[in-house]
Amino acid sequence: MKSEERTLAEEVYEIEVKISNNDGLDMRPAMQFVDLASQFKSDISVSNDQTSVDGKSIMQMSMLAATCGTKLKVKAEGPDAKQAAEALRDLVEVKKFGLPADNKK
């Protein structure tokens, strides 16, 4: 049982998302991302070509300065890594975070 628990704790899941919000990753969508990421036990890191940051830190997420069209890599490590990555992908690409409900396509 111990080895199974250790394996689950070390689960790693990585995805790539594209920012489609016209305003890019400004404070509102960054806060939505951080709020969702913080609901998971896994460590979440987000990176562009130059910078890797903690996906649970609003200050670090703002350092990415991701504009519309930017591709980001989201890496989740921990017991709920797959669920975390998929929820974050859904937030960014399906729910079009940062947009008021009536502007979502």
C-alpha atoms as a PDB file:
ATOM      1  CA  MET A   1       0.000   0.000   0.000  1.00  0.00           C
ATOM      2  CA  LYS A   2       2.822   2.416   0.782  1.00  0.00           C
ATOM      3  CA  SER A   3       4.357   2.088  -2.701  1.00  0.00           C
ATOM      4  CA  GLU A   4       0.936   2.668  -4.304  1.00  0.00           C
ATOM      5  CA  GLU A   5       0.462   5.848  -2.240  1.00  0.00           C
ATOM      6  CA  ARG A   6       3.922   7.065  -3.217  1.00  0.00           C
ATOM      7  CA  THR A   7       3.202   6.449  -6.897  1.00  0.00           C
ATOM      8  CA  LEU A   8      -0.034   8.443  -6.711  1.00  0.00           C
ATOM      9  CA  ALA A   9       1.715  11.293  -4.908  1.00  0.00           C
ATOM     10  CA  GLU A  10       4.288  11.489  -7.688  1.00  0.00           C
ATOM     11  CA  GLU A  11       1.786  11.584 -10.574  1.00  0.00           C
ATOM     12  CA  VAL A  12       2.801  14.172 -13.181  1.00  0.00           C
ATOM     13  CA  TYR A  13       0.498  15.485 -15.875  1.00  0.00           C
ATOM     14  CA  GLU A  14       1.462  18.186 -18.367  1.00  0.00           C
ATOM     15  CA  ILE A  15      -0.707  20.030 -20.876  1.00  0.00           C
ATOM     16  CA  GLU A  16      -0.419  22.997 -23.187  1.00  0.00           C
ATOM     17  CA  VAL A  17      -3.093  25.701 -23.287  1.00  0.00           C
ATOM     18  CA  LYS A  18      -3.562  28.690 -25.539  1.00  0.00           C
ATOM     19  CA  ILE A  19      -4.732  32.002 -24.092  1.00  0.00           C
ATOM     20  CA  SER A  20      -7.745  33.054 -26.158  1.00  0.00           C
ATOM     21  CA  ASN A  21      -8.967  35.911 -23.955  1.00  0.00           C
ATOM     22  CA  ASN A  22      -8.469  39.170 -25.908  1.00  0.00           C
ATOM     23  CA  ASP A  23      -6.982  40.842 -22.826  1.00  0.00           C
ATOM     24  CA  GLY A  24      -4.563  37.962 -22.315  1.00  0.00           C
ATOM     25  CA  LEU A  25      -3.691  36.751 -18.835  1.00  0.00           C
ATOM     26  CA  ASP A  26      -4.533  39.951 -16.968  1.00  0.00           C
ATOM     27  CA  MET A  27      -5.403  39.995 -13.281  1.00  0.00           C
ATOM     28  CA  ARG A  28      -8.990  38.672 -13.493  1.00  0.00           C
ATOM     29  CA  PRO A  29      -8.212  35.497 -15.453  1.00  0.00           C
ATOM     30  CA  ALA A  30      -4.966  34.999 -13.537  1.00  0.00           C
ATOM     31  CA  MET A  31      -6.922  35.111 -10.269  1.00  0.00           C
ATOM     32  CA  GLN A  32      -9.493  32.648 -11.627  1.00  0.00           C
ATOM     33  CA  PHE A  33      -6.628  30.327 -12.577  1.00  0.00           C
ATOM     34  CA  VAL A  34      -4.962  30.646  -9.143  1.00  0.00           C
ATOM     35  CA  ASP A  35      -8.258  30.106  -7.314  1.00  0.00           C
ATOM     36  CA  LEU A  36      -8.937  26.906  -9.263  1.00  0.00           C
ATOM     37  CA  ALA A  37      -5.344  25.629  -9.019  1.00  0.00           C
ATOM     38  CA  SER A  38      -5.414  26.177  -5.251  1.00  0.00           C
ATOM     39  CA  GLN A  39      -8.313  23.742  -4.893  1.00  0.00           C
ATOM     40  CA  PHE A  40      -5.999  20.831  -5.766  1.00  0.00           C
ATOM     41  CA  LYS A  41      -3.359  19.111  -3.647  1.00  0.00           C
ATOM     42  CA  SER A  42      -0.930  18.863  -6.564  1.00  0.00           C
ATOM     43  CA  ASP A  43       1.795  21.399  -7.195  1.00  0.00           C
ATOM     44  CA  ILE A  44       0.977  23.435 -10.306  1.00  0.00           C
ATOM     45  CA  SER A  45       3.607  25.170 -12.410  1.00  0.00           C
ATOM     46  CA  VAL A  46       2.950  27.280 -15.489  1.00  0.00           C
ATOM     47  CA  SER A  47       5.578  28.228 -18.030  1.00  0.00           C
ATOM     48  CA  ASN A  48       6.083  30.081 -21.267  1.00  0.00           C
ATOM     49  CA  ASP A  49       9.290  29.878 -23.260  1.00  0.00           C
ATOM     50  CA  GLN A  50      11.279  31.930 -20.751  1.00  0.00           C
ATOM     51  CA  THR A  51       9.645  31.739 -17.318  1.00  0.00           C
ATOM     52  CA  SER A  52       8.223  29.044 -15.044  1.00  0.00           C
ATOM     53  CA  VAL A  53       6.017  30.107 -12.129  1.00  0.00           C
ATOM     54  CA  ASP A  54       3.865  28.689  -9.323  1.00  0.00           C
ATOM     55  CA  GLY A  55       0.312  28.384 -10.663  1.00  0.00           C
ATOM     56  CA  LYS A  56      -1.061  28.956  -7.169  1.00  0.00           C
ATOM     57  CA  SER A  57       0.569  32.393  -6.778  1.00  0.00           C
ATOM     58  CA  ILE A  58      -1.145  35.448  -8.270  1.00  0.00           C
ATOM     59  CA  MET A  59       2.091  37.452  -8.095  1.00  0.00           C
ATOM     60  CA  GLN A  60       4.040  34.815  -9.999  1.00  0.00           C
ATOM     61  CA  MET A  61       1.261  34.227 -12.551  1.00  0.00           C
ATOM     62  CA  SER A  62       1.251  37.943 -13.373  1.00  0.00           C
ATOM     63  CA  MET A  63       4.962  37.676 -14.238  1.00  0.00           C
ATOM     64  CA  LEU A  64       4.088  35.561 -17.293  1.00  0.00           C
ATOM     65  CA  ALA A  65       2.607  38.598 -19.072  1.00  0.00           C
ATOM     66  CA  ALA A  66       0.804  36.217 -21.446  1.00  0.00           C
ATOM     67  CA  THR A  67      -1.068  37.957 -24.243  1.00  0.00           C
ATOM     68  CA  CYS A  68      -3.842  36.572 -26.415  1.00  0.00           C
ATOM     69  CA  GLY A  69      -2.484  33.676 -28.444  1.00  0.00           C
ATOM     70  CA  THR A  70       0.286  32.799 -25.982  1.00  0.00           C
ATOM     71  CA  LYS A  71       0.797  29.080 -25.414  1.00  0.00           C
ATOM     72  CA  LEU A  72       1.524  28.050 -21.846  1.00  0.00           C
ATOM     73  CA  LYS A  73       2.596  24.718 -20.411  1.00  0.00           C
ATOM     74  CA  VAL A  74       0.776  23.671 -17.264  1.00  0.00           C
ATOM     75  CA  LYS A  75       2.437  20.963 -15.189  1.00  0.00           C
ATOM     76  CA  ALA A  76       0.669  19.336 -12.256  1.00  0.00           C
ATOM     77  CA  GLU A  77       2.541  17.063  -9.846  1.00  0.00           C
ATOM     78  CA  GLY A  78       0.769  15.203  -7.080  1.00  0.00           C
ATOM     79  CA  PRO A  79      -2.106  12.906  -6.187  1.00  0.00           C
ATOM     80  CA  ASP A  80      -4.723  14.752  -8.263  1.00  0.00           C
ATOM     81  CA  ALA A  81      -2.461  15.952 -11.073  1.00  0.00           C
ATOM     82  CA  LYS A  82      -4.608  14.767 -13.969  1.00  0.00           C
ATOM     83  CA  GLN A  83      -7.798  16.238 -12.519  1.00  0.00           C
ATOM     84  CA  ALA A  84      -6.045  19.540 -11.824  1.00  0.00           C
ATOM     85  CA  ALA A  85      -4.577  19.837 -15.322  1.00  0.00           C
ATOM     86  CA  GLU A  86      -7.868  18.962 -16.993  1.00  0.00           C
ATOM     87  CA  ALA A  87      -9.829  21.444 -14.852  1.00  0.00           C
ATOM     88  CA  LEU A  88      -7.335  24.196 -15.672  1.00  0.00           C
ATOM     89  CA  ARG A  89      -7.464  23.350 -19.386  1.00  0.00           C
ATOM     90  CA  ASP A  90     -11.263  23.559 -19.221  1.00  0.00           C
ATOM     91  CA  LEU A  91     -11.062  26.957 -17.499  1.00  0.00           C
ATOM     92  CA  VAL A  92      -8.679  28.402 -20.084  1.00  0.00           C
ATOM     93  CA  GLU A  93      -9.929  26.862 -23.317  1.00  0.00           C
ATOM     94  CA  VAL A  94     -13.591  25.967 -22.805  1.00  0.00           C
ATOM     95  CA  LYS A  95     -14.909  28.490 -20.293  1.00  0.00           C
ATOM     96  CA  LYS A  96     -12.781  31.302 -21.799  1.00  0.00           C
ATOM     97  CA  PHE A  97     -11.792  32.631 -18.397  1.00  0.00           C
ATOM     98  CA  GLY A  98     -11.737  36.353 -17.738  1.00  0.00           C
ATOM     99  CA  LEU A  99     -14.817  37.003 -19.860  1.00  0.00           C
ATOM    100  CA  PRO A 100     -18.246  37.895 -18.505  1.00  0.00           C
ATOM    101  CA  ALA A 101     -20.700  35.018 -18.904  1.00  0.00           C
ATOM    102  CA  ASP A 102     -22.581  36.691 -21.766  1.00  0.00           C
ATOM    103  CA  ASN A 103     -19.390  37.174 -23.842  1.00  0.00           C
ATOM    104  CA  LYS A 104     -18.279  33.534 -23.849  1.00  0.00           C
ATOM    105  CA  LYS A 105     -18.330  31.769 -27.180  1.00  0.00           C
END
